[in-house]
N, C-alpha and C. Protein backbone atom coordinates (compact mmCIF):
# COMPACT_ATOMS: atom_id res chain seq x y z
N MET A 1 157.97 84.98 97.85
CA MET A 1 157.48 84.44 99.10
C MET A 1 157.56 82.92 99.07
N GLY A 2 157.83 82.35 100.23
CA GLY A 2 157.83 80.90 100.36
C GLY A 2 156.46 80.41 100.78
N ASN A 3 156.34 79.09 100.92
CA ASN A 3 155.06 78.50 101.31
C ASN A 3 154.54 79.04 102.63
N ARG A 4 155.43 79.23 103.61
CA ARG A 4 155.01 79.71 104.93
C ARG A 4 154.33 81.08 104.81
N GLU A 5 154.97 81.99 104.08
CA GLU A 5 154.41 83.33 103.91
C GLU A 5 153.14 83.28 103.07
N ASP A 6 153.14 82.43 102.03
CA ASP A 6 151.94 82.29 101.20
C ASP A 6 150.76 81.80 102.04
N LEU A 7 151.03 80.86 102.94
CA LEU A 7 149.98 80.35 103.81
C LEU A 7 149.43 81.44 104.71
N LEU A 8 150.31 82.25 105.27
CA LEU A 8 149.86 83.32 106.16
C LEU A 8 148.99 84.32 105.39
N GLU A 9 149.43 84.70 104.20
CA GLU A 9 148.64 85.62 103.38
C GLU A 9 147.31 84.99 102.96
N GLY A 10 147.35 83.72 102.57
CA GLY A 10 146.12 83.02 102.21
C GLY A 10 145.16 82.92 103.37
N ALA A 11 145.69 82.66 104.56
CA ALA A 11 144.84 82.58 105.76
C ALA A 11 144.20 83.93 106.04
N LYS A 12 144.94 85.01 105.89
CA LYS A 12 144.35 86.34 106.12
C LYS A 12 143.23 86.61 105.12
N ARG A 13 143.46 86.27 103.85
CA ARG A 13 142.40 86.47 102.85
C ARG A 13 141.15 85.67 103.23
N CYS A 14 141.35 84.43 103.65
CA CYS A 14 140.21 83.59 104.03
C CYS A 14 139.49 84.15 105.26
N LEU A 15 140.26 84.64 106.22
CA LEU A 15 139.64 85.25 107.40
C LEU A 15 138.73 86.39 107.00
N TYR A 16 139.22 87.26 106.12
CA TYR A 16 138.43 88.41 105.69
C TYR A 16 137.20 87.99 104.89
N ASP A 17 137.35 86.94 104.08
CA ASP A 17 136.25 86.51 103.21
C ASP A 17 135.22 85.64 103.92
N LYS A 18 135.69 84.72 104.78
CA LYS A 18 134.80 83.71 105.35
C LYS A 18 134.67 83.76 106.86
N GLY A 19 135.57 84.47 107.53
CA GLY A 19 135.57 84.46 108.98
C GLY A 19 136.44 83.32 109.51
N TYR A 20 136.60 83.30 110.80
CA TYR A 20 137.50 82.33 111.44
C TYR A 20 136.95 80.91 111.35
N PHE A 21 135.70 80.72 111.76
CA PHE A 21 135.17 79.38 111.92
C PHE A 21 134.66 78.75 110.63
N ARG A 22 134.42 79.54 109.61
CA ARG A 22 133.99 78.99 108.33
C ARG A 22 135.16 78.69 107.41
N THR A 23 136.36 79.11 107.79
CA THR A 23 137.54 78.87 106.97
C THR A 23 138.04 77.45 107.20
N THR A 24 138.23 76.72 106.12
CA THR A 24 138.77 75.36 106.21
C THR A 24 140.24 75.35 105.81
N ALA A 25 140.90 74.26 106.16
CA ALA A 25 142.30 74.10 105.76
C ALA A 25 142.41 74.12 104.24
N ARG A 26 141.46 73.48 103.58
CA ARG A 26 141.48 73.46 102.11
C ARG A 26 141.33 74.88 101.54
N ASP A 27 140.47 75.70 102.15
CA ASP A 27 140.32 77.09 101.71
C ASP A 27 141.67 77.80 101.75
N ILE A 28 142.38 77.64 102.86
CA ILE A 28 143.67 78.31 103.03
C ILE A 28 144.68 77.79 102.02
N ALA A 29 144.76 76.47 101.87
CA ALA A 29 145.72 75.88 100.93
C ALA A 29 145.44 76.37 99.51
N ASN A 30 144.16 76.40 99.13
CA ASN A 30 143.80 76.89 97.79
C ASN A 30 144.16 78.36 97.62
N ALA A 31 143.85 79.17 98.63
CA ALA A 31 144.16 80.61 98.55
C ALA A 31 145.67 80.84 98.47
N ALA A 32 146.43 79.97 99.12
CA ALA A 32 147.89 80.13 99.13
C ALA A 32 148.56 79.45 97.94
N GLY A 33 147.82 78.59 97.25
CA GLY A 33 148.40 77.86 96.13
C GLY A 33 149.41 76.81 96.57
N VAL A 34 149.15 76.19 97.72
CA VAL A 34 150.05 75.16 98.24
C VAL A 34 149.23 73.93 98.63
N SER A 35 149.92 72.86 99.01
CA SER A 35 149.23 71.64 99.41
C SER A 35 148.70 71.76 100.83
N LEU A 36 147.71 70.94 101.15
CA LEU A 36 147.18 70.89 102.51
C LEU A 36 148.28 70.52 103.51
N ALA A 37 149.16 69.65 103.12
CA ALA A 37 150.23 69.20 104.02
C ALA A 37 151.14 70.34 104.45
N ALA A 38 151.21 71.38 103.64
CA ALA A 38 152.09 72.52 103.97
C ALA A 38 151.63 73.22 105.25
N ILE A 39 150.34 73.19 105.53
CA ILE A 39 149.84 73.81 106.76
C ILE A 39 150.43 73.11 107.97
N GLY A 40 150.35 71.79 107.99
CA GLY A 40 150.91 71.03 109.10
C GLY A 40 152.41 71.20 109.21
N TYR A 41 153.08 71.21 108.09
CA TYR A 41 154.54 71.34 108.10
C TYR A 41 154.98 72.69 108.66
N HIS A 42 154.33 73.76 108.23
CA HIS A 42 154.77 75.11 108.61
C HIS A 42 154.14 75.63 109.90
N TYR A 43 152.91 75.21 110.21
CA TYR A 43 152.19 75.80 111.34
C TYR A 43 151.67 74.80 112.36
N GLY A 44 151.69 73.54 112.04
CA GLY A 44 151.17 72.54 112.96
C GLY A 44 149.71 72.25 112.70
N THR A 45 148.86 73.24 112.92
CA THR A 45 147.42 73.05 112.69
C THR A 45 146.84 74.27 111.97
N LYS A 46 145.68 74.06 111.41
CA LYS A 46 144.96 75.17 110.77
C LYS A 46 144.67 76.26 111.79
N ASP A 47 144.27 75.87 113.00
CA ASP A 47 143.96 76.87 114.02
C ASP A 47 145.19 77.68 114.41
N ASP A 48 146.35 77.03 114.51
CA ASP A 48 147.58 77.78 114.81
C ASP A 48 147.87 78.80 113.71
N LEU A 49 147.66 78.39 112.47
CA LEU A 49 147.87 79.30 111.34
C LEU A 49 146.86 80.45 111.40
N LEU A 50 145.59 80.14 111.63
CA LEU A 50 144.58 81.20 111.70
C LEU A 50 144.85 82.16 112.85
N ASN A 51 145.27 81.62 113.99
CA ASN A 51 145.59 82.49 115.13
C ASN A 51 146.72 83.45 114.77
N GLU A 52 147.75 82.93 114.12
CA GLU A 52 148.84 83.80 113.70
C GLU A 52 148.37 84.82 112.67
N ALA A 53 147.47 84.41 111.79
CA ALA A 53 146.94 85.33 110.79
C ALA A 53 146.14 86.46 111.44
N VAL A 54 145.38 86.14 112.48
CA VAL A 54 144.62 87.18 113.18
C VAL A 54 145.58 88.18 113.83
N VAL A 55 146.59 87.66 114.50
CA VAL A 55 147.57 88.54 115.16
C VAL A 55 148.28 89.41 114.12
N GLU A 56 148.65 88.82 113.00
CA GLU A 56 149.32 89.57 111.93
C GLU A 56 148.39 90.63 111.34
N ALA A 57 147.13 90.29 111.14
CA ALA A 57 146.17 91.26 110.61
C ALA A 57 145.99 92.42 111.57
N MET A 58 145.94 92.13 112.87
CA MET A 58 145.82 93.20 113.86
C MET A 58 147.08 94.08 113.87
N ARG A 59 148.24 93.47 113.72
CA ARG A 59 149.48 94.25 113.66
C ARG A 59 149.45 95.19 112.46
N GLU A 60 149.00 94.69 111.31
CA GLU A 60 148.91 95.52 110.11
C GLU A 60 147.92 96.67 110.31
N TRP A 61 146.77 96.37 110.92
CA TRP A 61 145.79 97.42 111.19
C TRP A 61 146.39 98.46 112.12
N SER A 62 147.10 98.01 113.13
CA SER A 62 147.74 98.93 114.08
C SER A 62 148.75 99.83 113.38
N GLU A 63 149.52 99.25 112.47
CA GLU A 63 150.49 100.06 111.71
C GLU A 63 149.78 101.09 110.85
N ASP A 64 148.71 100.67 110.18
CA ASP A 64 147.93 101.61 109.36
C ASP A 64 147.36 102.73 110.23
N LEU A 65 146.80 102.36 111.37
CA LEU A 65 146.25 103.36 112.28
C LEU A 65 147.35 104.28 112.78
N GLY A 66 148.51 103.72 113.06
CA GLY A 66 149.64 104.53 113.52
C GLY A 66 150.03 105.60 112.52
N ARG A 67 150.00 105.25 111.23
CA ARG A 67 150.31 106.24 110.19
C ARG A 67 149.27 107.35 110.18
N VAL A 68 148.01 106.98 110.34
CA VAL A 68 146.93 107.98 110.36
C VAL A 68 147.05 108.87 111.59
N LEU A 69 147.34 108.25 112.73
CA LEU A 69 147.39 109.01 113.98
C LEU A 69 148.67 109.82 114.13
N ALA A 70 149.64 109.59 113.26
CA ALA A 70 150.88 110.36 113.33
C ALA A 70 150.65 111.83 112.98
N GLU A 71 149.56 112.08 112.27
CA GLU A 71 149.21 113.46 111.95
C GLU A 71 148.72 114.14 113.23
N PRO A 72 149.14 115.38 113.46
CA PRO A 72 148.71 116.05 114.69
C PRO A 72 147.19 116.25 114.72
N GLY A 73 146.65 116.19 115.92
CA GLY A 73 145.21 116.40 116.06
C GLY A 73 144.79 116.33 117.50
N ASP A 74 143.62 116.89 117.78
CA ASP A 74 143.08 116.85 119.13
C ASP A 74 142.30 115.54 119.33
N PHE A 75 141.71 115.39 120.51
CA PHE A 75 140.98 114.17 120.85
C PHE A 75 139.91 113.85 119.81
N GLU A 76 139.12 114.85 119.45
CA GLU A 76 138.01 114.59 118.54
C GLU A 76 138.48 114.18 117.15
N SER A 77 139.49 114.85 116.62
CA SER A 77 139.95 114.47 115.28
C SER A 77 140.63 113.10 115.30
N THR A 78 141.37 112.82 116.37
CA THR A 78 142.04 111.53 116.49
C THR A 78 141.02 110.40 116.55
N TRP A 79 140.01 110.53 117.43
CA TRP A 79 139.02 109.46 117.55
C TRP A 79 138.10 109.41 116.33
N GLY A 80 137.95 110.51 115.63
CA GLY A 80 137.22 110.47 114.36
C GLY A 80 137.93 109.57 113.36
N LYS A 81 139.26 109.66 113.33
CA LYS A 81 140.05 108.79 112.44
C LYS A 81 139.95 107.33 112.87
N VAL A 82 139.93 107.11 114.16
CA VAL A 82 139.80 105.74 114.67
C VAL A 82 138.46 105.15 114.20
N ILE A 83 137.39 105.90 114.38
CA ILE A 83 136.07 105.42 113.98
C ILE A 83 136.01 105.20 112.47
N GLU A 84 136.62 106.09 111.70
CA GLU A 84 136.66 105.90 110.24
C GLU A 84 137.38 104.61 109.87
N SER A 85 138.38 104.24 110.66
CA SER A 85 139.15 103.03 110.35
C SER A 85 138.31 101.76 110.49
N PHE A 86 137.20 101.83 111.21
CA PHE A 86 136.35 100.64 111.37
C PHE A 86 135.79 100.18 110.03
N ALA A 87 135.52 101.11 109.13
CA ALA A 87 134.93 100.74 107.84
C ALA A 87 135.87 99.84 107.05
N THR A 88 137.14 100.20 106.99
CA THR A 88 138.08 99.38 106.22
C THR A 88 138.47 98.11 106.97
N ALA A 89 138.36 98.14 108.28
CA ALA A 89 138.76 96.98 109.09
C ALA A 89 137.56 96.18 109.59
N ARG A 90 136.40 96.39 109.01
CA ARG A 90 135.19 95.70 109.48
C ARG A 90 135.38 94.18 109.59
N PRO A 91 135.91 93.51 108.56
CA PRO A 91 136.08 92.05 108.70
C PRO A 91 136.98 91.67 109.87
N LEU A 92 137.99 92.46 110.12
CA LEU A 92 138.91 92.17 111.21
C LEU A 92 138.22 92.29 112.57
N TRP A 93 137.41 93.33 112.74
CA TRP A 93 136.68 93.49 114.00
C TRP A 93 135.63 92.40 114.15
N THR A 94 134.98 92.02 113.06
CA THR A 94 134.00 90.94 113.11
C THR A 94 134.66 89.65 113.58
N ILE A 95 135.83 89.36 113.05
CA ILE A 95 136.58 88.16 113.45
C ILE A 95 136.91 88.20 114.93
N GLN A 96 137.35 89.35 115.41
CA GLN A 96 137.72 89.44 116.82
C GLN A 96 136.55 89.15 117.74
N PHE A 97 135.38 89.69 117.41
CA PHE A 97 134.22 89.43 118.26
C PHE A 97 133.73 87.99 118.10
N GLU A 98 133.90 87.44 116.91
CA GLU A 98 133.60 86.03 116.69
C GLU A 98 134.46 85.16 117.62
N LEU A 99 135.70 85.54 117.77
CA LEU A 99 136.64 84.76 118.60
C LEU A 99 136.40 84.93 120.09
N VAL A 100 135.94 86.09 120.52
CA VAL A 100 135.75 86.34 121.95
C VAL A 100 134.82 85.29 122.56
N ALA A 101 133.72 85.02 121.92
CA ALA A 101 132.77 84.03 122.46
C ALA A 101 133.41 82.64 122.50
N HIS A 102 134.17 82.32 121.50
CA HIS A 102 134.81 81.01 121.43
C HIS A 102 135.90 80.84 122.49
N MET A 103 136.57 81.91 122.83
CA MET A 103 137.67 81.84 123.79
C MET A 103 137.21 81.42 125.18
N ALA A 104 135.97 81.66 125.50
CA ALA A 104 135.45 81.25 126.81
C ALA A 104 135.52 79.74 126.97
N ARG A 105 135.49 79.01 125.85
CA ARG A 105 135.53 77.55 125.90
C ARG A 105 136.86 76.98 125.43
N THR A 106 137.82 77.84 125.12
CA THR A 106 139.10 77.37 124.58
C THR A 106 140.24 78.05 125.34
N PRO A 107 140.66 77.48 126.46
CA PRO A 107 141.68 78.13 127.29
C PRO A 107 142.99 78.43 126.56
N GLU A 108 143.43 77.51 125.70
CA GLU A 108 144.71 77.76 125.01
C GLU A 108 144.61 78.95 124.06
N MET A 109 143.47 79.11 123.40
CA MET A 109 143.28 80.27 122.53
C MET A 109 143.19 81.54 123.38
N ARG A 110 142.47 81.45 124.48
CA ARG A 110 142.33 82.61 125.36
C ARG A 110 143.70 83.07 125.86
N GLU A 111 144.55 82.14 126.25
CA GLU A 111 145.89 82.49 126.73
C GLU A 111 146.71 83.17 125.64
N ALA A 112 146.66 82.63 124.43
CA ALA A 112 147.42 83.21 123.32
C ALA A 112 146.96 84.63 123.02
N PHE A 113 145.65 84.83 123.00
CA PHE A 113 145.13 86.15 122.67
C PHE A 113 145.24 87.11 123.85
N ALA A 114 145.25 86.59 125.06
CA ALA A 114 145.47 87.46 126.22
C ALA A 114 146.87 88.07 126.16
N GLU A 115 147.83 87.26 125.79
CA GLU A 115 149.21 87.76 125.64
C GLU A 115 149.26 88.82 124.54
N ALA A 116 148.62 88.55 123.42
CA ALA A 116 148.58 89.54 122.33
C ALA A 116 147.88 90.81 122.79
N GLY A 117 146.84 90.68 123.62
CA GLY A 117 146.13 91.84 124.14
C GLY A 117 147.00 92.70 125.03
N ARG A 118 147.85 92.06 125.83
CA ARG A 118 148.77 92.83 126.68
C ARG A 118 149.74 93.64 125.82
N HIS A 119 150.25 93.01 124.78
CA HIS A 119 151.15 93.75 123.87
C HIS A 119 150.39 94.86 123.15
N ALA A 120 149.14 94.60 122.80
CA ALA A 120 148.33 95.60 122.11
C ALA A 120 148.12 96.83 122.98
N ARG A 121 147.88 96.63 124.27
CA ARG A 121 147.69 97.78 125.17
C ARG A 121 148.90 98.70 125.13
N LEU A 122 150.08 98.12 125.19
CA LEU A 122 151.30 98.94 125.15
C LEU A 122 151.44 99.63 123.79
N GLY A 123 151.13 98.90 122.72
CA GLY A 123 151.20 99.49 121.39
C GLY A 123 150.20 100.62 121.20
N LEU A 124 148.99 100.44 121.72
CA LEU A 124 147.98 101.49 121.63
C LEU A 124 148.39 102.72 122.42
N ALA A 125 148.93 102.50 123.61
CA ALA A 125 149.40 103.64 124.41
C ALA A 125 150.45 104.42 123.62
N GLU A 126 151.35 103.70 123.00
CA GLU A 126 152.42 104.34 122.22
C GLU A 126 151.84 105.13 121.04
N LEU A 127 150.84 104.55 120.36
CA LEU A 127 150.20 105.25 119.24
C LEU A 127 149.62 106.58 119.68
N PHE A 128 149.17 106.63 120.94
CA PHE A 128 148.56 107.84 121.47
C PHE A 128 149.54 108.66 122.30
N GLY A 129 150.85 108.38 122.13
CA GLY A 129 151.88 109.20 122.76
C GLY A 129 152.11 108.93 124.23
N SER A 130 151.86 107.73 124.69
CA SER A 130 152.06 107.40 126.10
C SER A 130 152.82 106.08 126.22
N GLU A 131 153.42 105.88 127.37
CA GLU A 131 154.07 104.59 127.66
C GLU A 131 153.33 103.85 128.77
N SER A 132 152.21 104.38 129.20
CA SER A 132 151.46 103.83 130.33
C SER A 132 150.56 102.68 129.90
N GLU A 133 150.70 101.55 130.56
CA GLU A 133 149.82 100.42 130.27
C GLU A 133 148.37 100.76 130.64
N GLN A 134 148.19 101.60 131.67
CA GLN A 134 146.84 102.01 132.05
C GLN A 134 146.18 102.83 130.94
N VAL A 135 146.95 103.72 130.33
CA VAL A 135 146.43 104.49 129.20
C VAL A 135 146.06 103.54 128.06
N GLY A 136 146.93 102.58 127.80
CA GLY A 136 146.64 101.59 126.77
C GLY A 136 145.38 100.80 127.06
N ALA A 137 145.17 100.47 128.34
CA ALA A 137 143.96 99.71 128.72
C ALA A 137 142.70 100.54 128.48
N VAL A 138 142.76 101.83 128.80
CA VAL A 138 141.60 102.70 128.57
C VAL A 138 141.33 102.82 127.07
N ILE A 139 142.38 103.01 126.29
CA ILE A 139 142.22 103.12 124.84
C ILE A 139 141.66 101.82 124.28
N GLN A 140 142.20 100.70 124.73
CA GLN A 140 141.73 99.40 124.26
C GLN A 140 140.25 99.21 124.60
N THR A 141 139.85 99.63 125.77
CA THR A 141 138.45 99.52 126.19
C THR A 141 137.55 100.41 125.33
N LEU A 142 137.96 101.65 125.12
CA LEU A 142 137.18 102.55 124.25
C LEU A 142 137.10 101.99 122.83
N LEU A 143 138.22 101.52 122.34
CA LEU A 143 138.30 101.00 120.98
C LEU A 143 137.38 99.80 120.80
N GLY A 144 137.47 98.83 121.71
CA GLY A 144 136.63 97.64 121.60
C GLY A 144 135.15 97.96 121.72
N GLY A 145 134.81 98.83 122.65
CA GLY A 145 133.41 99.22 122.82
C GLY A 145 132.87 99.96 121.62
N LEU A 146 133.66 100.88 121.10
CA LEU A 146 133.24 101.61 119.91
C LEU A 146 133.09 100.68 118.71
N ALA A 147 134.05 99.77 118.55
CA ALA A 147 133.98 98.83 117.43
C ALA A 147 132.72 97.98 117.52
N ALA A 148 132.41 97.50 118.72
CA ALA A 148 131.20 96.68 118.89
C ALA A 148 129.95 97.49 118.53
N GLN A 149 129.88 98.72 119.01
CA GLN A 149 128.72 99.55 118.70
C GLN A 149 128.65 99.85 117.21
N TRP A 150 129.81 100.13 116.60
CA TRP A 150 129.84 100.46 115.18
C TRP A 150 129.41 99.26 114.34
N LEU A 151 129.84 98.05 114.72
CA LEU A 151 129.45 96.86 113.96
C LEU A 151 127.94 96.64 113.99
N VAL A 152 127.33 96.93 115.13
CA VAL A 152 125.89 96.70 115.29
C VAL A 152 125.07 97.85 114.70
N ASP A 153 125.51 99.09 114.92
CA ASP A 153 124.70 100.25 114.53
C ASP A 153 125.62 101.42 114.17
N PRO A 154 126.24 101.38 113.00
CA PRO A 154 127.22 102.42 112.66
C PRO A 154 126.66 103.83 112.67
N ASP A 155 125.38 103.97 112.35
CA ASP A 155 124.79 105.32 112.29
C ASP A 155 124.58 105.95 113.66
N ASN A 156 124.57 105.13 114.70
CA ASN A 156 124.34 105.65 116.04
C ASN A 156 125.50 105.41 117.00
N THR A 157 126.66 105.14 116.46
CA THR A 157 127.86 104.99 117.28
C THR A 157 128.20 106.36 117.86
N PRO A 158 128.61 106.42 119.12
CA PRO A 158 128.98 107.72 119.69
C PRO A 158 130.04 108.42 118.83
N THR A 159 129.88 109.71 118.72
CA THR A 159 130.84 110.52 117.98
C THR A 159 132.02 110.82 118.90
N PRO A 160 133.12 111.31 118.34
CA PRO A 160 134.23 111.73 119.20
C PRO A 160 133.80 112.79 120.21
N ALA A 161 132.92 113.70 119.81
CA ALA A 161 132.42 114.72 120.75
C ALA A 161 131.63 114.06 121.89
N ASP A 162 130.84 113.04 121.55
CA ASP A 162 130.10 112.30 122.59
C ASP A 162 131.06 111.64 123.57
N LEU A 163 132.12 111.04 123.04
CA LEU A 163 133.12 110.40 123.90
C LEU A 163 133.76 111.40 124.83
N LEU A 164 134.17 112.52 124.27
CA LEU A 164 134.85 113.54 125.07
C LEU A 164 133.93 114.05 126.18
N GLU A 165 132.70 114.35 125.84
CA GLU A 165 131.75 114.84 126.84
C GLU A 165 131.50 113.78 127.91
N GLY A 166 131.33 112.55 127.49
CA GLY A 166 131.11 111.47 128.45
C GLY A 166 132.29 111.28 129.38
N LEU A 167 133.50 111.33 128.84
CA LEU A 167 134.70 111.19 129.69
C LEU A 167 134.82 112.36 130.66
N ARG A 168 134.54 113.55 130.17
CA ARG A 168 134.59 114.72 131.07
C ARG A 168 133.58 114.58 132.21
N THR A 169 132.39 114.13 131.87
CA THR A 169 131.36 113.95 132.89
C THR A 169 131.80 112.90 133.91
N LEU A 170 132.36 111.80 133.45
CA LEU A 170 132.84 110.77 134.37
C LEU A 170 133.95 111.29 135.27
N MET A 171 134.83 112.10 134.73
CA MET A 171 135.96 112.63 135.51
C MET A 171 135.49 113.59 136.60
N GLU A 172 134.35 114.22 136.40
CA GLU A 172 133.82 115.17 137.38
C GLU A 172 133.14 114.46 138.54
N ARG A 173 132.87 113.20 138.45
CA ARG A 173 132.17 112.46 139.51
C ARG A 173 133.12 112.05 140.59
């Protein structure tokens, strides 16, 4: 790996260990085993590097989830696997919610992540066997809501059966 790749990997490690806002440029450079100047040379700013690291970490999580979801299953087994994935991806979900509040005051970050969110909707739809952006939006909404509930109270997060019953009830209205 070159310095650019080392920086990206180092940034991801720092994100998982310290979070987005507690990670310093020096933390990343140390984790990557490169000079501080390498961040500016390869990424421009620490924030640009961290933003790319978040997007890359989400892509990796999506690929991992895709492998799990490739196994056949019904709604309940599929969403059970999704909920199980929160345990291994806890730092990643924590980072995302950490960033949501910050994006309200940072238009350039909001724009970058909004674009990534649009791509994520299509990717999520595909993971669930659809090409519909609307399906992706529903999945993204369920996923984000479940992740938020799981982070706060994992023992009382709705089960896949709860989700299915709730969706059925909503559809009957």
